[in-house]
Structure formats: C-alpha cells, structure tokens
Amino acid sequence: MNIAPDQIIPFLLMWGIPILFIYRGYVKMDEKEKTDVKRSFKTPHFIFTVGFLIIGLFIAQLGNILSLIVIKHIGTIILIIGGVVATVDLWPRSKLKSMSVPLFLTVAIYFLNS
C-alpha cells in the first residue's frame, strides 16, 4: 500500500472544504430545518442517487490515493450504480439532464482510473 503524497492535499481540499461549509450551514439551521434535512437524507431516493454517487466517488478516490485497486474498483462500481439510478430517476423529468449524468460519470471514471 503506497500513499501518493501529491494526491493527499487535493483530496483533503476537495472533500474538507465542502464538508466544512455543509457543517457550518447545518449548525446555523433551526431545529425544524435540521429534522427536515435528516429526514430527506434518510430517504431511499437520496441514498440511491446522490448518496451512492458521493460515496462511490469518495471510495474510488481513497483507493486511488492508497494505491489499492480493489478499493478503487469497489468505489467505481458504487459510482456506476448511483449514476444508473440517477439517470433512470431523471429520465421522466428531463431527457437532456438524464443523458448528461452518464456523460459526466464516464468522464469521472476515466479520470479516476487513469
């Protein structure tokens, strides 16, 4: 297991800054908004679309940094599942947006595996 030091800083910035902003926004919410956010994050719709995309990308990047091919492939598979579910979910509402998800997913997988 080799840790790529040149990839640690971008990884920490890419994941750390948004997490800090989200946490700061969550702390500023009142109790009703906090319960609404918790409830919406626990829905299967959120978990299988946005959740799988975020978790898959995180795991794939972590596998990339740690130079563990198995972890990277697991993250890529989760990312693909999230992309397929998001595409199917968006299809009735917007055909153009639903076709952009596989395009962005293909680009992300290309850069993750190169």
PDB file of N, CA and C in Angstrom:
ATOM      1  N   MET A   1       0.854  -1.178   0.000  1.00  0.00           N
ATOM      2  CA  MET A   1       0.000   0.000   0.000  1.00  0.00           C
ATOM      3  C   MET A   1       0.893   1.233   0.000  1.00  0.00           C
ATOM      4  N   ASN A   2       0.929   1.912  -1.109  1.00  0.00           N
ATOM      5  CA  ASN A   2       1.694   3.149  -1.224  1.00  0.00           C
ATOM      6  C   ASN A   2       0.741   4.326  -1.171  1.00  0.00           C
ATOM      7  N   ILE A   3       1.066   5.294  -0.348  1.00  0.00           N
ATOM      8  CA  ILE A   3       0.257   6.506  -0.271  1.00  0.00           C
ATOM      9  C   ILE A   3       0.906   7.550  -1.157  1.00  0.00           C
ATOM     10  N   ALA A   4       0.134   8.071  -2.090  1.00  0.00           N
ATOM     11  CA  ALA A   4       0.646   9.082  -3.004  1.00  0.00           C
ATOM     12  C   ALA A   4       0.555  10.448  -2.332  1.00  0.00           C
ATOM     13  N   PRO A   5       1.692  11.019  -1.886  1.00  0.00           N
ATOM     14  CA  PRO A   5       1.637  12.286  -1.147  1.00  0.00           C
ATOM     15  C   PRO A   5       1.140  13.462  -1.983  1.00  0.00           C
ATOM     16  N   ASP A   6       1.378  13.422  -3.292  1.00  0.00           N
ATOM     17  CA  ASP A   6       0.923  14.531  -4.127  1.00  0.00           C
ATOM     18  C   ASP A   6      -0.586  14.521  -4.338  1.00  0.00           C
ATOM     19  N   GLN A   7      -1.270  13.466  -3.933  1.00  0.00           N
ATOM     20  CA  GLN A   7      -2.722  13.397  -4.072  1.00  0.00           C
ATOM     21  C   GLN A   7      -3.454  13.648  -2.761  1.00  0.00           C
ATOM     22  N   ILE A   8      -2.735  13.687  -1.662  1.00  0.00           N
ATOM     23  CA  ILE A   8      -3.387  13.865  -0.358  1.00  0.00           C
ATOM     24  C   ILE A   8      -3.948  15.277  -0.205  1.00  0.00           C
ATOM     25  N   ILE A   9      -3.161  16.294  -0.549  1.00  0.00           N
ATOM     26  CA  ILE A   9      -3.602  17.684  -0.379  1.00  0.00           C
ATOM     27  C   ILE A   9      -4.836  17.989  -1.227  1.00  0.00           C
ATOM     28  N   PRO A  10      -4.858  17.677  -2.538  1.00  0.00           N
ATOM     29  CA  PRO A  10      -6.095  17.927  -3.298  1.00  0.00           C
ATOM     30  C   PRO A  10      -7.294  17.156  -2.759  1.00  0.00           C
ATOM     31  N   PHE A  11      -7.052  15.923  -2.288  1.00  0.00           N
ATOM     32  CA  PHE A  11      -8.134  15.120  -1.721  1.00  0.00           C
ATOM     33  C   PHE A  11      -8.707  15.794  -0.481  1.00  0.00           C
ATOM     34  N   LEU A  12      -7.824  16.238   0.417  1.00  0.00           N
ATOM     35  CA  LEU A  12      -8.284  16.902   1.640  1.00  0.00           C
ATOM     36  C   LEU A  12      -9.005  18.209   1.327  1.00  0.00           C
ATOM     37  N   LEU A  13      -8.501  18.968   0.364  1.00  0.00           N
ATOM     38  CA  LEU A  13      -9.166  20.218  -0.010  1.00  0.00           C
ATOM     39  C   LEU A  13     -10.512  19.945  -0.681  1.00  0.00           C
ATOM     40  N   MET A  14     -10.535  18.955  -1.570  1.00  0.00           N
ATOM     41  CA  MET A  14     -11.761  18.662  -2.312  1.00  0.00           C
ATOM     42  C   MET A  14     -12.877  18.157  -1.407  1.00  0.00           C
ATOM     43  N   TRP A  15     -12.539  17.391  -0.400  1.00  0.00           N
ATOM     44  CA  TRP A  15     -13.552  16.862   0.496  1.00  0.00           C
ATOM     45  C   TRP A  15     -13.697  17.684   1.768  1.00  0.00           C
ATOM     46  N   GLY A  16     -12.617  18.281   2.242  1.00  0.00           N
ATOM     47  CA  GLY A  16     -12.651  19.013   3.509  1.00  0.00           C
ATOM     48  C   GLY A  16     -13.420  20.313   3.447  1.00  0.00           C
ATOM     49  N   ILE A  17     -13.169  21.117   2.407  1.00  0.00           N
ATOM     50  CA  ILE A  17     -13.831  22.423   2.307  1.00  0.00           C
ATOM     51  C   ILE A  17     -15.350  22.277   2.180  1.00  0.00           C
ATOM     52  N   PRO A  18     -15.877  21.447   1.265  1.00  0.00           N
ATOM     53  CA  PRO A  18     -17.341  21.300   1.212  1.00  0.00           C
ATOM     54  C   PRO A  18     -17.944  20.750   2.503  1.00  0.00           C
ATOM     55  N   ILE A  19     -17.244  19.808   3.149  1.00  0.00           N
ATOM     56  CA  ILE A  19     -17.767  19.261   4.405  1.00  0.00           C
ATOM     57  C   ILE A  19     -17.844  20.348   5.464  1.00  0.00           C
ATOM     58  N   LEU A  20     -16.834  21.207   5.529  1.00  0.00           N
ATOM     59  CA  LEU A  20     -16.866  22.307   6.498  1.00  0.00           C
ATOM     60  C   LEU A  20     -18.012  23.279   6.215  1.00  0.00           C
ATOM     61  N   PHE A  21     -18.223  23.613   4.940  1.00  0.00           N
ATOM     62  CA  PHE A  21     -19.321  24.523   4.597  1.00  0.00           C
ATOM     63  C   PHE A  21     -20.683  23.896   4.896  1.00  0.00           C
ATOM     64  N   ILE A  22     -20.830  22.620   4.598  1.00  0.00           N
ATOM     65  CA  ILE A  22     -22.093  21.935   4.886  1.00  0.00           C
ATOM     66  C   ILE A  22     -22.332  21.877   6.388  1.00  0.00           C
ATOM     67  N   TYR A  23     -21.292  21.568   7.140  1.00  0.00           N
ATOM     68  CA  TYR A  23     -21.415  21.520   8.599  1.00  0.00           C
ATOM     69  C   TYR A  23     -21.781  22.895   9.154  1.00  0.00           C
ATOM     70  N   ARG A  24     -21.130  23.938   8.644  1.00  0.00           N
ATOM     71  CA  ARG A  24     -21.428  25.295   9.102  1.00  0.00           C
ATOM     72  C   ARG A  24     -22.880  25.672   8.806  1.00  0.00           C
ATOM     73  N   GLY A  25     -23.356  25.310   7.616  1.00  0.00           N
ATOM     74  CA  GLY A  25     -24.748  25.580   7.270  1.00  0.00           C
ATOM     75  C   GLY A  25     -25.716  24.800   8.132  1.00  0.00           C
ATOM     76  N   TYR A  26     -25.356  23.567   8.455  1.00  0.00           N
ATOM     77  CA  TYR A  26     -26.210  22.732   9.300  1.00  0.00           C
ATOM     78  C   TYR A  26     -26.295  23.300  10.709  1.00  0.00           C
ATOM     79  N   VAL A  27     -25.185  23.785  11.242  1.00  0.00           N
ATOM     80  CA  VAL A  27     -25.176  24.347  12.598  1.00  0.00           C
ATOM     81  C   VAL A  27     -26.052  25.596  12.670  1.00  0.00           C
ATOM     82  N   LYS A  28     -26.117  26.366  11.593  1.00  0.00           N
ATOM     83  CA  LYS A  28     -26.902  27.603  11.583  1.00  0.00           C
ATOM     84  C   LYS A  28     -28.405  27.362  11.430  1.00  0.00           C
ATOM     85  N   MET A  29     -28.812  26.149  11.076  1.00  0.00           N
ATOM     86  CA  MET A  29     -30.233  25.853  10.880  1.00  0.00           C
ATOM     87  C   MET A  29     -30.956  25.778  12.215  1.00  0.00           C
ATOM     88  N   ASP A  30     -32.276  26.076  12.155  1.00  0.00           N
ATOM     89  CA  ASP A  30     -33.073  25.872  13.362  1.00  0.00           C
ATOM     90  C   ASP A  30     -33.480  24.394  13.435  1.00  0.00           C
ATOM     91  N   GLU A  31     -34.106  24.012  14.525  1.00  0.00           N
ATOM     92  CA  GLU A  31     -34.391  22.595  14.778  1.00  0.00           C
ATOM     93  C   GLU A  31     -35.319  21.975  13.733  1.00  0.00           C
ATOM     94  N   LYS A  32     -36.303  22.752  13.249  1.00  0.00           N
ATOM     95  CA  LYS A  32     -37.227  22.215  12.245  1.00  0.00           C
ATOM     96  C   LYS A  32     -36.488  21.907  10.943  1.00  0.00           C
ATOM     97  N   GLU A  33     -35.626  22.824  10.527  1.00  0.00           N
ATOM     98  CA  GLU A  33     -34.855  22.589   9.309  1.00  0.00           C
ATOM     99  C   GLU A  33     -33.912  21.396   9.469  1.00  0.00           C
ATOM    100  N   LYS A  34     -33.327  21.249  10.652  1.00  0.00           N
ATOM    101  CA  LYS A  34     -32.422  20.122  10.892  1.00  0.00           C
ATOM    102  C   LYS A  34     -33.157  18.788  10.781  1.00  0.00           C
ATOM    103  N   THR A  35     -34.367  18.725  11.326  1.00  0.00           N
ATOM    104  CA  THR A  35     -35.126  17.472  11.228  1.00  0.00           C
ATOM    105  C   THR A  35     -35.550  17.199   9.786  1.00  0.00           C
ATOM    106  N   ASP A  36     -35.883  18.260   9.026  1.00  0.00           N
ATOM    107  CA  ASP A  36     -36.225  18.079   7.616  1.00  0.00           C
ATOM    108  C   ASP A  36     -35.030  17.546   6.822  1.00  0.00           C
ATOM    109  N   VAL A  37     -33.850  18.084   7.097  1.00  0.00           N
ATOM    110  CA  VAL A  37     -32.642  17.631   6.406  1.00  0.00           C
ATOM    111  C   VAL A  37     -32.349  16.179   6.760  1.00  0.00           C
ATOM    112  N   LYS A  38     -32.436  15.842   8.036  1.00  0.00           N
ATOM    113  CA  LYS A  38     -32.194  14.454   8.455  1.00  0.00           C
ATOM    114  C   LYS A  38     -33.180  13.503   7.783  1.00  0.00           C
ATOM    115  N   ARG A  39     -34.442  13.916   7.727  1.00  0.00           N
ATOM    116  CA  ARG A  39     -35.472  13.071   7.126  1.00  0.00           C
ATOM    117  C   ARG A  39     -35.219  12.886   5.625  1.00  0.00           C
ATOM    118  N   SER A  40     -34.845  13.965   4.929  1.00  0.00           N
ATOM    119  CA  SER A  40     -34.623  13.846   3.486  1.00  0.00           C
ATOM    120  C   SER A  40     -33.358  13.048   3.170  1.00  0.00           C
ATOM    121  N   PHE A  41     -32.340  13.106   4.020  1.00  0.00           N
ATOM    122  CA  PHE A  41     -31.120  12.331   3.792  1.00  0.00           C
ATOM    123  C   PHE A  41     -31.335  10.842   4.032  1.00  0.00           C
ATOM    124  N   LYS A  42     -32.365  10.480   4.764  1.00  0.00           N
ATOM    125  CA  LYS A  42     -32.637   9.074   5.070  1.00  0.00           C
ATOM    126  C   LYS A  42     -33.567   8.415   4.057  1.00  0.00           C
ATOM    127  N   THR A  43     -34.050   9.160   3.074  1.00  0.00           N
ATOM    128  CA  THR A  43     -34.957   8.582   2.089  1.00  0.00           C
ATOM    129  C   THR A  43     -34.183   7.704   1.110  1.00  0.00           C
ATOM    130  N   PRO A  44     -34.803   6.631   0.634  1.00  0.00           N
ATOM    131  CA  PRO A  44     -34.126   5.778  -0.353  1.00  0.00           C
ATOM    132  C   PRO A  44     -33.761   6.541  -1.629  1.00  0.00           C
ATOM    133  N   HIS A  45     -34.598   7.501  -2.014  1.00  0.00           N
ATOM    134  CA  HIS A  45     -34.316   8.291  -3.210  1.00  0.00           C
ATOM    135  C   HIS A  45     -32.975   9.000  -3.089  1.00  0.00           C
ATOM    136  N   PHE A  46     -32.718   9.650  -1.979  1.00  0.00           N
ATOM    137  CA  PHE A  46     -31.455  10.363  -1.774  1.00  0.00           C
ATOM    138  C   PHE A  46     -30.286   9.390  -1.665  1.00  0.00           C
ATOM    139  N   ILE A  47     -30.487   8.310  -0.927  1.00  0.00           N
ATOM    140  CA  ILE A  47     -29.395   7.353  -0.703  1.00  0.00           C
ATOM    141  C   ILE A  47     -28.946   6.717  -2.016  1.00  0.00           C
ATOM    142  N   PHE A  48     -29.889   6.292  -2.855  1.00  0.00           N
ATOM    143  CA  PHE A  48     -29.525   5.573  -4.074  1.00  0.00           C
ATOM    144  C   PHE A  48     -29.113   6.478  -5.223  1.00  0.00           C
ATOM    145  N   THR A  49     -29.358   7.774  -5.149  1.00  0.00           N
ATOM    146  CA  THR A  49     -28.908   8.673  -6.209  1.00  0.00           C
ATOM    147  C   THR A  49     -27.679   9.450  -5.744  1.00  0.00           C
ATOM    148  N   VAL A  50     -27.896  10.485  -4.986  1.00  0.00           N
ATOM    149  CA  VAL A  50     -26.804  11.356  -4.543  1.00  0.00           C
ATOM    150  C   VAL A  50     -25.862  10.619  -3.597  1.00  0.00           C
ATOM    151  N   GLY A  51     -26.415   9.844  -2.694  1.00  0.00           N
ATOM    152  CA  GLY A  51     -25.588   9.137  -1.717  1.00  0.00           C
ATOM    153  C   GLY A  51     -24.613   8.175  -2.369  1.00  0.00           C
ATOM    154  N   PHE A  52     -25.091   7.358  -3.310  1.00  0.00           N
ATOM    155  CA  PHE A  52     -24.202   6.410  -3.984  1.00  0.00           C
ATOM    156  C   PHE A  52     -23.163   7.136  -4.829  1.00  0.00           C
ATOM    157  N   LEU A  53     -23.544   8.240  -5.461  1.00  0.00           N
ATOM    158  CA  LEU A  53     -22.572   8.997  -6.254  1.00  0.00           C
ATOM    159  C   LEU A  53     -21.455   9.549  -5.375  1.00  0.00           C
ATOM    160  N   ILE A  54     -21.829  10.135  -4.247  1.00  0.00           N
ATOM    161  CA  ILE A  54     -20.829  10.736  -3.358  1.00  0.00           C
ATOM    162  C   ILE A  54     -19.967   9.660  -2.698  1.00  0.00           C
ATOM    163  N   ILE A  55     -20.589   8.621  -2.169  1.00  0.00           N
ATOM    164  CA  ILE A  55     -19.836   7.547  -1.505  1.00  0.00           C
ATOM    165  C   ILE A  55     -18.927   6.830  -2.506  1.00  0.00           C
ATOM    166  N   GLY A  56     -19.439   6.563  -3.699  1.00  0.00           N
ATOM    167  CA  GLY A  56     -18.628   5.895  -4.717  1.00  0.00           C
ATOM    168  C   GLY A  56     -17.424   6.716  -5.127  1.00  0.00           C
ATOM    169  N   LEU A  57     -17.626   8.011  -5.315  1.00  0.00           N
ATOM    170  CA  LEU A  57     -16.509   8.885  -5.676  1.00  0.00           C
ATOM    171  C   LEU A  57     -15.488   8.951  -4.555  1.00  0.00           C
ATOM    172  N   PHE A  58     -15.959   9.050  -3.318  1.00  0.00           N
ATOM    173  CA  PHE A  58     -15.054   9.115  -2.172  1.00  0.00           C
ATOM    174  C   PHE A  58     -14.223   7.836  -2.054  1.00  0.00           C
ATOM    175  N   ILE A  59     -14.872   6.689  -2.151  1.00  0.00           N
ATOM    176  CA  ILE A  59     -14.159   5.416  -2.020  1.00  0.00           C
ATOM    177  C   ILE A  59     -13.181   5.221  -3.179  1.00  0.00           C
ATOM    178  N   ALA A  60     -13.597   5.586  -4.397  1.00  0.00           N
ATOM    179  CA  ALA A  60     -12.704   5.435  -5.547  1.00  0.00           C
ATOM    180  C   ALA A  60     -11.476   6.330  -5.409  1.00  0.00           C
ATOM    181  N   GLN A  61     -11.666   7.561  -4.948  1.00  0.00           N
ATOM    182  CA  GLN A  61     -10.518   8.445  -4.756  1.00  0.00           C
ATOM    183  C   GLN A  61      -9.631   7.961  -3.621  1.00  0.00           C
ATOM    184  N   LEU A  62     -10.224   7.436  -2.582  1.00  0.00           N
ATOM    185  CA  LEU A  62      -9.442   6.890  -1.474  1.00  0.00           C
ATOM    186  C   LEU A  62      -8.614   5.690  -1.945  1.00  0.00           C
ATOM    187  N   GLY A  63      -9.207   4.826  -2.745  1.00  0.00           N
ATOM    188  CA  GLY A  63      -8.469   3.703  -3.315  1.00  0.00           C
ATOM    189  C   GLY A  63      -7.362   4.155  -4.239  1.00  0.00           C
ATOM    190  N   ASN A  64      -7.599   5.255  -4.943  1.00  0.00           N
ATOM    191  CA  ASN A  64      -6.580   5.826  -5.823  1.00  0.00           C
ATOM    192  C   ASN A  64      -5.402   6.356  -5.016  1.00  0.00           C
ATOM    193  N   ILE A  65      -5.682   7.053  -3.930  1.00  0.00           N
ATOM    194  CA  ILE A  65      -4.622   7.614  -3.085  1.00  0.00           C
ATOM    195  C   ILE A  65      -3.829   6.503  -2.408  1.00  0.00           C
ATOM    196  N   LEU A  66      -4.519   5.488  -1.911  1.00  0.00           N
ATOM    197  CA  LEU A  66      -3.853   4.398  -1.203  1.00  0.00           C
ATOM    198  C   LEU A  66      -3.261   3.355  -2.149  1.00  0.00           C
ATOM    199  N   SER A  67      -3.455   3.543  -3.439  1.00  0.00           N
ATOM    200  CA  SER A  67      -2.966   2.616  -4.470  1.00  0.00           C
ATOM    201  C   SER A  67      -3.508   1.204  -4.268  1.00  0.00           C
ATOM    202  N   LEU A  68      -4.748   1.115  -3.854  1.00  0.00           N
ATOM    203  CA  LEU A  68      -5.419  -0.175  -3.694  1.00  0.00           C
ATOM    204  C   LEU A  68      -6.460  -0.320  -4.804  1.00  0.00           C
ATOM    205  N   ILE A  69      -6.153  -1.155  -5.772  1.00  0.00           N
ATOM    206  CA  ILE A  69      -7.006  -1.313  -6.945  1.00  0.00           C
ATOM    207  C   ILE A  69      -8.389  -1.842  -6.565  1.00  0.00           C
ATOM    208  N   VAL A  70      -8.460  -2.753  -5.608  1.00  0.00           N
ATOM    209  CA  VAL A  70      -9.743  -3.341  -5.205  1.00  0.00           C
ATOM    210  C   VAL A  70     -10.669  -2.267  -4.650  1.00  0.00           C
ATOM    211  N   ILE A  71     -10.142  -1.399  -3.793  1.00  0.00           N
ATOM    212  CA  ILE A  71     -10.950  -0.315  -3.211  1.00  0.00           C
ATOM    213  C   ILE A  71     -11.412   0.633  -4.315  1.00  0.00           C
ATOM    214  N   LYS A  72     -10.511   0.944  -5.244  1.00  0.00           N
ATOM    215  CA  LYS A  72     -10.864   1.843  -6.343  1.00  0.00           C
ATOM    216  C   LYS A  72     -11.983   1.246  -7.193  1.00  0.00           C
ATOM    217  N   HIS A  73     -11.915  -0.054  -7.458  1.00  0.00           N
ATOM    218  CA  HIS A  73     -12.950  -0.703  -8.265  1.00  0.00           C
ATOM    219  C   HIS A  73     -14.283  -0.786  -7.523  1.00  0.00           C
ATOM    220  N   ILE A  74     -14.244  -1.012  -6.234  1.00  0.00           N
ATOM    221  CA  ILE A  74     -15.479  -1.019  -5.436  1.00  0.00           C
ATOM    222  C   ILE A  74     -16.140   0.359  -5.493  1.00  0.00           C
ATOM    223  N   GLY A  75     -15.349   1.407  -5.325  1.00  0.00           N
ATOM    224  CA  GLY A  75     -15.880   2.765  -5.416  1.00  0.00           C
ATOM    225  C   GLY A  75     -16.447   3.064  -6.787  1.00  0.00           C
ATOM    226  N   THR A  76     -15.773   2.591  -7.832  1.00  0.00           N
ATOM    227  CA  THR A  76     -16.250   2.811  -9.195  1.00  0.00           C
ATOM    228  C   THR A  76     -17.567   2.089  -9.429  1.00  0.00           C
ATOM    229  N   ILE A  77     -17.711   0.891  -8.908  1.00  0.00           N
ATOM    230  CA  ILE A  77     -18.967   0.145  -9.057  1.00  0.00           C
ATOM    231  C   ILE A  77     -20.107   0.870  -8.342  1.00  0.00           C
ATOM    232  N   ILE A  78     -19.856   1.358  -7.139  1.00  0.00           N
ATOM    233  CA  ILE A  78     -20.886   2.112  -6.408  1.00  0.00           C
ATOM    234  C   ILE A  78     -21.236   3.386  -7.166  1.00  0.00           C
ATOM    235  N   LEU A  79     -20.232   4.042  -7.741  1.00  0.00           N
ATOM    236  CA  LEU A  79     -20.451   5.252  -8.536  1.00  0.00           C
ATOM    237  C   LEU A  79     -21.316   4.950  -9.758  1.00  0.00           C
ATOM    238  N   ILE A  80     -21.059   3.843 -10.421  1.00  0.00           N
ATOM    239  CA  ILE A  80     -21.854   3.456 -11.592  1.00  0.00           C
ATOM    240  C   ILE A  80     -23.298   3.159 -11.191  1.00  0.00           C
ATOM    241  N   ILE A  81     -23.493   2.459 -10.094  1.00  0.00           N
ATOM    242  CA  ILE A  81     -24.858   2.167  -9.625  1.00  0.00           C
ATOM    243  C   ILE A  81     -25.608   3.467  -9.344  1.00  0.00           C
ATOM    244  N   GLY A  82     -24.956   4.399  -8.658  1.00  0.00           N
ATOM    245  CA  GLY A  82     -25.583   5.692  -8.385  1.00  0.00           C
ATOM    246  C   GLY A  82     -25.902   6.454  -9.655  1.00  0.00           C
ATOM    247  N   GLY A  83     -25.014   6.388 -10.645  1.00  0.00           N
ATOM    248  CA  GLY A  83     -25.257   7.066 -11.918  1.00  0.00           C
ATOM    249  C   GLY A  83     -26.419   6.470 -12.683  1.00  0.00           C
ATOM    250  N   VAL A  84     -26.521   5.155 -12.689  1.00  0.00           N
ATOM    251  CA  VAL A  84     -27.633   4.495 -13.383  1.00  0.00           C
ATOM    252  C   VAL A  84     -28.956   4.843 -12.708  1.00  0.00           C
ATOM    253  N   VAL A  85     -28.986   4.791 -11.390  1.00  0.00           N
ATOM    254  CA  VAL A  85     -30.219   5.120 -10.662  1.00  0.00           C
ATOM    255  C   VAL A  85     -30.589   6.590 -10.872  1.00  0.00           C
ATOM    256  N   ALA A  86     -29.600   7.488 -10.862  1.00  0.00           N
ATOM    257  CA  ALA A  86     -29.875   8.912 -11.089  1.00  0.00           C
ATOM    258  C   ALA A  86     -30.390   9.150 -12.504  1.00  0.00           C
ATOM    259  N   THR A  87     -29.839   8.436 -13.483  1.00  0.00           N
ATOM    260  CA  THR A  87     -30.305   8.573 -14.867  1.00  0.00           C
ATOM    261  C   THR A  87     -31.750   8.112 -15.005  1.00  0.00           C
ATOM    262  N   VAL A  88     -32.059   6.967 -14.441  1.00  0.00           N
ATOM    263  CA  VAL A  88     -33.433   6.445 -14.503  1.00  0.00           C
ATOM    264  C   VAL A  88     -34.390   7.377 -13.764  1.00  0.00           C
ATOM    265  N   ASP A  89     -33.938   7.943 -12.651  1.00  0.00           N
ATOM    266  CA  ASP A  89     -34.773   8.852 -11.871  1.00  0.00           C
ATOM    267  C   ASP A  89     -35.043  10.156 -12.623  1.00  0.00           C
ATOM    268  N   LEU A  90     -34.052  10.675 -13.335  1.00  0.00           N
ATOM    269  CA  LEU A  90     -34.213  11.945 -14.044  1.00  0.00           C
ATOM    270  C   LEU A  90     -34.933  11.809 -15.384  1.00  0.00           C
ATOM    271  N   TRP A  91     -34.969  10.615 -15.957  1.00  0.00           N
ATOM    272  CA  TRP A  91     -35.489  10.428 -17.303  1.00  0.00           C
ATOM    273  C   TRP A  91     -36.906  10.981 -17.508  1.00  0.00           C
ATOM    274  N   PRO A  92     -37.885  10.725 -16.635  1.00  0.00           N
ATOM    275  CA  PRO A  92     -39.233  11.256 -16.882  1.00  0.00           C
ATOM    276  C   PRO A  92     -39.304  12.786 -16.822  1.00  0.00           C
ATOM    277  N   ARG A  93     -38.447  13.411 -16.040  1.00  0.00           N
ATOM    278  CA  ARG A  93     -38.498  14.866 -15.874  1.00  0.00           C
ATOM    279  C   ARG A  93     -37.726  15.608 -16.951  1.00  0.00           C
ATOM    280  N   SER A  94     -36.554  15.131 -17.308  1.00  0.00           N
ATOM    281  CA  SER A  94     -35.726  15.839 -18.280  1.00  0.00           C
ATOM    282  C   SER A  94     -34.817  14.845 -18.987  1.00  0.00           C
ATOM    283  N   LYS A  95     -35.054  14.663 -20.261  1.00  0.00           N
ATOM    284  CA  LYS A  95     -34.242  13.721 -21.036  1.00  0.00           C
ATOM    285  C   LYS A  95     -32.808  14.227 -21.181  1.00  0.00           C
ATOM    286  N   LEU A  96     -32.634  15.542 -21.357  1.00  0.00           N
ATOM    287  CA  LEU A  96     -31.292  16.108 -21.536  1.00  0.00           C
ATOM    288  C   LEU A  96     -30.453  15.955 -20.272  1.00  0.00           C
ATOM    289  N   LYS A  97     -31.033  16.274 -19.121  1.00  0.00           N
ATOM    290  CA  LYS A  97     -30.296  16.127 -17.859  1.00  0.00           C
ATOM    291  C   LYS A  97     -29.986  14.667 -17.573  1.00  0.00           C
ATOM    292  N   SER A  98     -30.923  13.787 -17.905  1.00  0.00           N
ATOM    293  CA  SER A  98     -30.680  12.371 -17.629  1.00  0.00           C
ATOM    294  C   SER A  98     -29.582  11.813 -18.531  1.00  0.00           C
ATOM    295  N   MET A  99     -29.405  12.362 -19.715  1.00  0.00           N
ATOM    296  CA  MET A  99     -28.328  11.907 -20.589  1.00  0.00           C
ATOM    297  C   MET A  99     -26.985  12.526 -20.207  1.00  0.00           C
ATOM    298  N   SER A 100     -27.016  13.641 -19.477  1.00  0.00           N
ATOM    299  CA  SER A 100     -25.752  14.254 -19.054  1.00  0.00           C
ATOM    300  C   SER A 100     -25.116  13.495 -17.889  1.00  0.00           C
ATOM    301  N   VAL A 101     -25.916  12.787 -17.105  1.00  0.00           N
ATOM    302  CA  VAL A 101     -25.373  12.023 -15.971  1.00  0.00           C
ATOM    303  C   VAL A 101     -24.405  10.939 -16.448  1.00  0.00           C
ATOM    304  N   PRO A 102     -24.767  10.093 -17.433  1.00  0.00           N
ATOM    305  CA  PRO A 102     -23.787   9.098 -17.892  1.00  0.00           C
ATOM    306  C   PRO A 102     -22.548   9.732 -18.529  1.00  0.00           C
ATOM    307  N   LEU A 103     -22.731  10.883 -19.168  1.00  0.00           N
ATOM    308  CA  LEU A 103     -21.585  11.571 -19.767  1.00  0.00           C
ATOM    309  C   LEU A 103     -20.596  12.009 -18.693  1.00  0.00           C
ATOM    310  N   PHE A 104     -21.090  12.680 -17.653  1.00  0.00           N
ATOM    311  CA  PHE A 104     -20.218  13.114 -16.564  1.00  0.00           C
ATOM    312  C   PHE A 104     -19.647  11.917 -15.799  1.00  0.00           C
ATOM    313  N   LEU A 105     -20.434  10.878 -15.669  1.00  0.00           N
ATOM    314  CA  LEU A 105     -19.976   9.666 -14.994  1.00  0.00           C
ATOM    315  C   LEU A 105     -18.830   9.011 -15.768  1.00  0.00           C
ATOM    316  N   THR A 106     -18.942   8.971 -17.087  1.00  0.00           N
ATOM    317  CA  THR A 106     -17.877   8.412 -17.921  1.00  0.00           C
ATOM    318  C   THR A 106     -16.591   9.209 -17.785  1.00  0.00           C
ATOM    319  N   VAL A 107     -16.709  10.532 -17.783  1.00  0.00           N
ATOM    320  CA  VAL A 107     -15.528  11.387 -17.613  1.00  0.00           C
ATOM    321  C   VAL A 107     -14.905  11.167 -16.239  1.00  0.00           C
ATOM    322  N   ALA A 108     -15.729  11.079 -15.203  1.00  0.00           N
ATOM    323  CA  ALA A 108     -15.214  10.868 -13.845  1.00  0.00           C
ATOM    324  C   ALA A 108     -14.503   9.527 -13.734  1.00  0.00           C
ATOM    325  N   ILE A 109     -15.079   8.487 -14.297  1.00  0.00           N
ATOM    326  CA  ILE A 109     -14.451   7.164 -14.237  1.00  0.00           C
ATOM    327  C   ILE A 109     -13.150   7.152 -15.033  1.00  0.00           C
ATOM    328  N   TYR A 110     -13.129   7.833 -16.164  1.00  0.00           N
ATOM    329  CA  TYR A 110     -11.897   7.903 -16.958  1.00  0.00           C
ATOM    330  C   TYR A 110     -10.766   8.534 -16.154  1.00  0.00           C
ATOM    331  N   PHE A 111     -11.053   9.660 -15.490  1.00  0.00           N
ATOM    332  CA  PHE A 111     -10.006  10.337 -14.731  1.00  0.00           C
ATOM    333  C   PHE A 111      -9.658   9.600 -13.435  1.00  0.00           C
ATOM    334  N   LEU A 112     -10.604   8.886 -12.858  1.00  0.00           N
ATOM    335  CA  LEU A 112     -10.304   8.106 -11.656  1.00  0.00           C
ATOM    336  C   LEU A 112      -9.392   6.925 -11.959  1.00  0.00           C
ATOM    337  N   ASN A 113      -9.567   6.333 -13.120  1.00  0.00           N
ATOM    338  CA  ASN A 113      -8.809   5.127 -13.453  1.00  0.00           C
ATOM    339  C   ASN A 113      -7.584   5.392 -14.315  1.00  0.00           C
ATOM    340  N   SER A 114      -7.269   6.635 -14.568  1.00  0.00           N
ATOM    341  CA  SER A 114      -6.070   6.917 -15.372  1.00  0.00           C
ATOM    342  C   SER A 114      -4.899   7.308 -14.509  1.00  0.00           C
TER     343      SER A 114
END
